[in-house]
């Protein structure tokens, strides 16, 4: 996925994503150093099934603990 840095507003960069130019505010601190307006960024978004499963297990364990606590 590609995005262009449209402008900077405070601590955020306004990015325009792909040809549809979907606008998002992205924290400047998470961008490479020395980026400037007009620079093109590449993003790679992928699903992490292992981490998703681990997160579901953590949440399930927390809910179970809360349910046990509330029954006391």
N, C-alpha and C. Protein backbone atom coordinates (compact mmCIF):
# COMPACT_ATOMS: atom_id res chain seq x y z
N UNK A 1 0.86 -1.16 0.00
CA UNK A 1 0.00 0.00 0.00
C UNK A 1 0.90 1.23 0.00
N UNK A 2 0.53 2.22 -0.75
CA UNK A 2 1.30 3.46 -0.82
C UNK A 2 0.50 4.63 -0.25
N UNK A 3 1.25 5.58 0.31
CA UNK A 3 0.64 6.80 0.83
C UNK A 3 1.59 7.95 0.54
N UNK A 4 1.01 9.12 0.32
CA UNK A 4 1.81 10.33 0.14
C UNK A 4 1.61 11.21 1.37
N UNK A 5 2.70 11.84 1.82
CA UNK A 5 2.58 12.79 2.92
C UNK A 5 2.04 14.09 2.32
N UNK A 6 0.80 14.41 2.67
CA UNK A 6 0.15 15.61 2.16
C UNK A 6 0.64 16.85 2.88
N UNK A 7 0.67 16.74 4.24
CA UNK A 7 1.09 17.90 5.05
C UNK A 7 1.31 17.43 6.49
N UNK A 8 1.87 18.33 7.27
CA UNK A 8 2.06 18.08 8.69
C UNK A 8 1.16 19.02 9.49
N UNK A 9 0.53 18.48 10.52
CA UNK A 9 -0.31 19.27 11.42
C UNK A 9 0.06 18.88 12.85
N UNK A 10 0.82 19.74 13.51
CA UNK A 10 1.24 19.44 14.88
C UNK A 10 2.09 18.19 14.92
N UNK A 11 1.70 17.24 15.74
CA UNK A 11 2.45 16.01 15.90
C UNK A 11 2.04 14.93 14.90
N UNK A 12 1.23 15.29 13.91
CA UNK A 12 0.73 14.31 12.95
C UNK A 12 1.09 14.67 11.52
N UNK A 13 1.24 13.63 10.72
CA UNK A 13 1.37 13.78 9.28
C UNK A 13 0.03 13.37 8.68
N UNK A 14 -0.47 14.16 7.77
CA UNK A 14 -1.70 13.82 7.07
C UNK A 14 -1.29 13.03 5.83
N UNK A 15 -1.70 11.76 5.80
CA UNK A 15 -1.35 10.87 4.69
C UNK A 15 -2.57 10.66 3.80
N UNK A 16 -2.32 10.59 2.51
CA UNK A 16 -3.34 10.24 1.54
C UNK A 16 -3.01 8.85 1.02
N UNK A 17 -3.91 7.91 1.27
CA UNK A 17 -3.66 6.51 0.98
C UNK A 17 -4.18 6.13 -0.40
N UNK A 18 -3.28 5.53 -1.19
CA UNK A 18 -3.60 4.98 -2.51
C UNK A 18 -4.30 6.01 -3.41
N UNK A 19 -4.84 5.54 -4.50
CA UNK A 19 -5.46 6.44 -5.49
C UNK A 19 -6.76 7.05 -4.99
N UNK A 20 -7.42 6.36 -4.04
CA UNK A 20 -8.67 6.90 -3.49
C UNK A 20 -8.40 8.11 -2.59
N UNK A 21 -7.13 8.30 -2.21
CA UNK A 21 -6.70 9.39 -1.35
C UNK A 21 -7.47 9.43 -0.03
N UNK A 22 -7.64 8.25 0.57
CA UNK A 22 -8.23 8.18 1.90
C UNK A 22 -7.27 8.88 2.85
N UNK A 23 -7.79 9.81 3.62
CA UNK A 23 -6.94 10.64 4.49
C UNK A 23 -6.87 10.06 5.89
N UNK A 24 -5.65 9.92 6.41
CA UNK A 24 -5.48 9.50 7.79
C UNK A 24 -4.43 10.40 8.45
N UNK A 25 -4.59 10.60 9.75
CA UNK A 25 -3.60 11.32 10.55
C UNK A 25 -2.70 10.26 11.18
N UNK A 26 -1.41 10.38 10.94
CA UNK A 26 -0.44 9.38 11.39
C UNK A 26 0.59 10.07 12.27
N UNK A 27 0.92 9.50 13.44
CA UNK A 27 1.90 10.15 14.32
C UNK A 27 3.26 10.33 13.63
N UNK A 28 3.77 11.56 13.66
CA UNK A 28 5.07 11.84 13.03
C UNK A 28 6.18 11.02 13.66
N UNK A 29 6.08 10.74 14.96
CA UNK A 29 7.13 10.01 15.65
C UNK A 29 7.29 8.58 15.12
N UNK A 30 6.29 8.08 14.41
CA UNK A 30 6.34 6.72 13.88
C UNK A 30 6.84 6.68 12.43
N UNK A 31 7.16 7.82 11.88
CA UNK A 31 7.65 7.90 10.51
C UNK A 31 9.18 7.91 10.48
N UNK A 32 9.77 7.53 9.35
CA UNK A 32 11.23 7.63 9.24
C UNK A 32 11.67 9.08 9.40
N UNK A 33 12.90 9.25 9.86
CA UNK A 33 13.43 10.60 10.02
C UNK A 33 13.54 11.29 8.66
N UNK A 34 13.46 12.59 8.69
CA UNK A 34 13.68 13.45 7.53
C UNK A 34 12.65 13.29 6.41
N UNK A 35 11.47 12.75 6.71
CA UNK A 35 10.44 12.72 5.67
C UNK A 35 9.90 14.12 5.48
N UNK A 36 9.35 14.36 4.31
CA UNK A 36 8.83 15.69 4.02
C UNK A 36 7.56 15.57 3.19
N UNK A 37 6.84 16.67 3.08
CA UNK A 37 5.62 16.69 2.27
C UNK A 37 5.95 16.23 0.86
N UNK A 38 5.07 15.40 0.32
CA UNK A 38 5.26 14.89 -1.03
C UNK A 38 5.97 13.54 -1.08
N UNK A 39 6.62 13.13 0.03
CA UNK A 39 7.29 11.83 0.05
C UNK A 39 6.25 10.71 -0.03
N UNK A 40 6.63 9.63 -0.69
CA UNK A 40 5.78 8.45 -0.82
C UNK A 40 6.24 7.42 0.20
N UNK A 41 5.28 6.86 0.92
CA UNK A 41 5.56 5.83 1.92
C UNK A 41 4.91 4.52 1.47
N UNK A 42 5.54 3.41 1.83
CA UNK A 42 4.96 2.09 1.57
C UNK A 42 4.58 1.47 2.91
N UNK A 43 3.39 0.88 2.96
CA UNK A 43 2.90 0.19 4.14
C UNK A 43 2.62 -1.25 3.78
N UNK A 44 2.95 -2.13 4.71
CA UNK A 44 2.64 -3.54 4.56
C UNK A 44 1.82 -3.95 5.77
N UNK A 45 0.55 -4.26 5.56
CA UNK A 45 -0.33 -4.67 6.64
C UNK A 45 -0.64 -6.14 6.44
N UNK A 46 -0.37 -6.92 7.49
CA UNK A 46 -0.64 -8.35 7.38
C UNK A 46 -1.24 -8.85 8.68
N UNK A 47 -2.01 -9.90 8.56
CA UNK A 47 -2.64 -10.54 9.70
C UNK A 47 -1.62 -11.40 10.43
N UNK A 48 -1.66 -11.37 11.76
CA UNK A 48 -0.78 -12.20 12.58
C UNK A 48 -1.67 -13.19 13.35
N UNK A 49 -1.96 -14.35 12.75
CA UNK A 49 -2.90 -15.29 13.39
C UNK A 49 -2.40 -15.80 14.74
N UNK A 50 -1.09 -16.00 14.90
CA UNK A 50 -0.57 -16.49 16.18
C UNK A 50 -0.81 -15.47 17.29
N UNK A 51 -0.52 -14.22 17.02
CA UNK A 51 -0.72 -13.17 18.02
C UNK A 51 -2.21 -12.96 18.29
N UNK A 52 -3.04 -13.09 17.26
CA UNK A 52 -4.49 -12.97 17.43
C UNK A 52 -4.98 -14.06 18.39
N UNK A 53 -4.54 -15.28 18.18
CA UNK A 53 -4.94 -16.38 19.07
C UNK A 53 -4.47 -16.15 20.49
N UNK A 54 -3.24 -15.70 20.66
CA UNK A 54 -2.71 -15.43 21.99
C UNK A 54 -3.51 -14.34 22.68
N UNK A 55 -3.89 -13.30 21.93
CA UNK A 55 -4.69 -12.20 22.49
C UNK A 55 -6.06 -12.71 22.91
N UNK A 56 -6.68 -13.54 22.08
CA UNK A 56 -7.99 -14.10 22.42
C UNK A 56 -7.90 -14.93 23.70
N UNK A 57 -6.82 -15.69 23.85
CA UNK A 57 -6.64 -16.50 25.05
C UNK A 57 -6.46 -15.61 26.29
N UNK A 58 -5.66 -14.53 26.16
CA UNK A 58 -5.47 -13.61 27.28
C UNK A 58 -6.79 -12.97 27.71
N UNK A 59 -7.57 -12.54 26.74
CA UNK A 59 -8.86 -11.91 27.05
C UNK A 59 -9.80 -12.92 27.68
N UNK A 60 -9.83 -14.12 27.14
CA UNK A 60 -10.67 -15.18 27.72
C UNK A 60 -10.29 -15.47 29.16
N UNK A 61 -9.00 -15.54 29.45
CA UNK A 61 -8.55 -15.78 30.82
C UNK A 61 -8.96 -14.65 31.75
N UNK A 62 -8.84 -13.42 31.28
CA UNK A 62 -9.26 -12.27 32.10
C UNK A 62 -10.76 -12.30 32.39
N UNK A 63 -11.55 -12.61 31.37
CA UNK A 63 -13.01 -12.70 31.56
C UNK A 63 -13.35 -13.80 32.55
N UNK A 64 -12.67 -14.91 32.46
CA UNK A 64 -12.90 -16.02 33.38
C UNK A 64 -12.58 -15.60 34.81
N UNK A 65 -11.46 -14.90 35.01
CA UNK A 65 -11.10 -14.42 36.35
C UNK A 65 -12.14 -13.45 36.88
N UNK A 66 -12.62 -12.55 36.02
CA UNK A 66 -13.64 -11.59 36.45
C UNK A 66 -14.93 -12.29 36.83
N UNK A 67 -15.32 -13.28 36.05
CA UNK A 67 -16.55 -14.03 36.35
C UNK A 67 -16.43 -14.76 37.68
N UNK A 68 -15.29 -15.37 37.95
CA UNK A 68 -15.07 -16.06 39.21
C UNK A 68 -15.10 -15.06 40.38
N UNK A 69 -14.49 -13.90 40.19
CA UNK A 69 -14.43 -12.88 41.23
C UNK A 69 -15.85 -12.36 41.56
N UNK A 70 -16.66 -12.17 40.52
CA UNK A 70 -18.01 -11.62 40.71
C UNK A 70 -18.95 -12.64 41.37
N UNK A 71 -18.64 -13.92 41.33
CA UNK A 71 -19.48 -14.94 41.94
C UNK A 71 -19.21 -15.10 43.43
N UNK A 72 -18.13 -14.48 43.90
CA UNK A 72 -17.77 -14.61 45.32
C UNK A 72 -18.64 -13.71 46.17
